[in-house]
């Protein structure tokens, strides 16, 4: 089986925080990991 991965920073971010890992083809167990980076989330506290 062939594997391929590609990420893109998109239009809204300056830095790509996506991550992927594909194990070596010779490995006994094939591992595929994908993590979708969501960028920095700014939490706002409402002060009353």
N, C-alpha and C. Protein backbone atom coordinates (compact mmCIF):
# COMPACT_ATOMS: atom_id res chain seq x y z
N UNK A 1 0.84 -1.17 0.00
CA UNK A 1 0.00 0.00 0.00
C UNK A 1 0.90 1.24 0.00
N UNK A 2 0.54 2.24 -0.77
CA UNK A 2 1.26 3.50 -0.78
C UNK A 2 0.58 4.48 0.16
N UNK A 3 1.38 5.32 0.79
CA UNK A 3 0.85 6.33 1.72
C UNK A 3 1.34 7.69 1.30
N UNK A 4 0.52 8.70 1.55
CA UNK A 4 0.86 10.06 1.19
C UNK A 4 0.17 11.00 2.17
N UNK A 5 0.85 12.06 2.57
CA UNK A 5 0.24 13.06 3.46
C UNK A 5 0.69 14.44 3.02
N UNK A 6 -0.20 15.40 3.20
CA UNK A 6 0.11 16.78 2.86
C UNK A 6 -0.68 17.70 3.79
N UNK A 7 -0.05 18.78 4.23
CA UNK A 7 -0.75 19.76 5.05
C UNK A 7 -0.61 21.13 4.39
N UNK A 8 -1.46 22.03 4.82
CA UNK A 8 -1.44 23.38 4.27
C UNK A 8 -1.78 24.37 5.38
N UNK A 9 -1.09 25.49 5.41
CA UNK A 9 -1.31 26.49 6.45
C UNK A 9 -2.68 27.17 6.30
N UNK A 10 -3.22 27.19 5.12
CA UNK A 10 -4.53 27.80 4.91
C UNK A 10 -4.44 29.31 4.75
N UNK A 11 -5.59 29.96 4.76
CA UNK A 11 -5.64 31.40 4.53
C UNK A 11 -5.64 32.22 5.81
N UNK A 12 -6.01 31.63 6.94
CA UNK A 12 -6.19 32.40 8.17
C UNK A 12 -4.99 32.36 9.11
N UNK A 13 -4.05 31.46 8.90
CA UNK A 13 -2.93 31.28 9.84
C UNK A 13 -1.60 31.62 9.19
N UNK A 14 -0.62 31.93 10.03
CA UNK A 14 0.74 32.16 9.56
C UNK A 14 1.62 30.93 9.75
N UNK A 15 1.18 30.02 10.63
CA UNK A 15 1.98 28.85 10.97
C UNK A 15 1.11 27.59 10.89
N UNK A 16 1.63 26.56 10.30
CA UNK A 16 0.91 25.29 10.19
C UNK A 16 1.16 24.46 11.44
N UNK A 17 0.10 24.09 12.15
CA UNK A 17 0.22 23.27 13.35
C UNK A 17 -0.30 21.85 13.14
N UNK A 18 -0.56 21.48 11.91
CA UNK A 18 -0.96 20.10 11.62
C UNK A 18 0.24 19.18 11.78
N UNK A 19 -0.02 17.92 12.08
CA UNK A 19 1.05 16.94 12.26
C UNK A 19 0.59 15.61 11.70
N UNK A 20 1.50 14.91 11.06
CA UNK A 20 1.19 13.55 10.62
C UNK A 20 2.43 12.68 10.77
N UNK A 21 2.18 11.39 10.91
CA UNK A 21 3.26 10.41 11.01
C UNK A 21 2.81 9.16 10.27
N UNK A 22 3.69 8.63 9.46
CA UNK A 22 3.45 7.36 8.77
C UNK A 22 4.65 6.46 9.05
N UNK A 23 4.40 5.29 9.60
CA UNK A 23 5.51 4.40 9.92
C UNK A 23 6.21 3.90 8.66
N UNK A 24 7.39 3.38 8.83
CA UNK A 24 8.19 2.87 7.71
C UNK A 24 7.47 1.68 7.06
N UNK A 25 7.54 1.56 5.75
CA UNK A 25 6.87 0.46 5.05
C UNK A 25 7.36 -0.93 5.50
N UNK A 26 8.60 -1.02 5.96
CA UNK A 26 9.16 -2.31 6.37
C UNK A 26 8.70 -2.72 7.77
N UNK A 27 8.03 -1.83 8.49
CA UNK A 27 7.59 -2.11 9.85
C UNK A 27 6.56 -3.23 9.86
N UNK A 28 6.54 -4.03 10.93
CA UNK A 28 5.56 -5.11 11.06
C UNK A 28 4.15 -4.57 11.27
N UNK A 29 4.05 -3.42 11.92
CA UNK A 29 2.76 -2.79 12.18
C UNK A 29 2.76 -1.43 11.49
N UNK A 30 1.74 -1.19 10.70
CA UNK A 30 1.61 0.11 10.03
C UNK A 30 0.86 1.08 10.93
N UNK A 31 1.47 2.24 11.18
CA UNK A 31 0.89 3.25 12.05
C UNK A 31 0.68 4.52 11.24
N UNK A 32 -0.50 5.09 11.37
CA UNK A 32 -0.84 6.35 10.72
C UNK A 32 -1.42 7.28 11.78
N UNK A 33 -0.82 8.43 11.96
CA UNK A 33 -1.28 9.40 12.96
C UNK A 33 -1.54 10.73 12.26
N UNK A 34 -2.67 11.32 12.57
CA UNK A 34 -3.01 12.63 12.03
C UNK A 34 -3.54 13.50 13.17
N UNK A 35 -2.94 14.68 13.35
CA UNK A 35 -3.41 15.63 14.36
C UNK A 35 -3.68 16.95 13.66
N UNK A 36 -4.90 17.43 13.77
CA UNK A 36 -5.30 18.68 13.13
C UNK A 36 -5.04 19.83 14.08
N UNK A 37 -4.02 20.64 13.80
CA UNK A 37 -3.73 21.80 14.64
C UNK A 37 -4.80 22.86 14.48
N UNK A 38 -5.29 23.37 15.59
CA UNK A 38 -6.38 24.35 15.54
C UNK A 38 -5.88 25.77 15.78
N UNK A 39 -4.60 25.96 15.87
CA UNK A 39 -4.08 27.30 16.11
C UNK A 39 -4.28 27.72 17.55
N UNK A 40 -3.87 28.92 17.83
CA UNK A 40 -3.98 29.44 19.19
C UNK A 40 -5.42 29.88 19.42
N UNK A 41 -6.00 29.36 20.49
CA UNK A 41 -7.36 29.76 20.86
C UNK A 41 -7.25 30.79 21.97
N UNK A 42 -7.86 31.92 21.80
CA UNK A 42 -7.83 32.96 22.83
C UNK A 42 -9.13 32.91 23.61
N UNK A 43 -9.01 32.62 24.88
CA UNK A 43 -10.19 32.57 25.76
C UNK A 43 -10.41 33.95 26.33
N UNK A 44 -11.63 34.39 26.33
CA UNK A 44 -11.97 35.70 26.88
C UNK A 44 -12.77 35.52 28.18
N UNK A 45 -12.34 36.23 29.20
CA UNK A 45 -13.07 36.24 30.45
C UNK A 45 -13.99 37.44 30.46
N UNK A 46 -15.22 37.19 30.77
CA UNK A 46 -16.13 38.34 30.85
C UNK A 46 -16.09 38.86 32.28
N UNK A 47 -15.77 40.12 32.45
CA UNK A 47 -15.73 40.72 33.77
C UNK A 47 -16.95 41.60 33.94
N UNK A 48 -17.66 41.37 35.02
CA UNK A 48 -18.89 42.13 35.28
C UNK A 48 -18.70 43.07 36.43
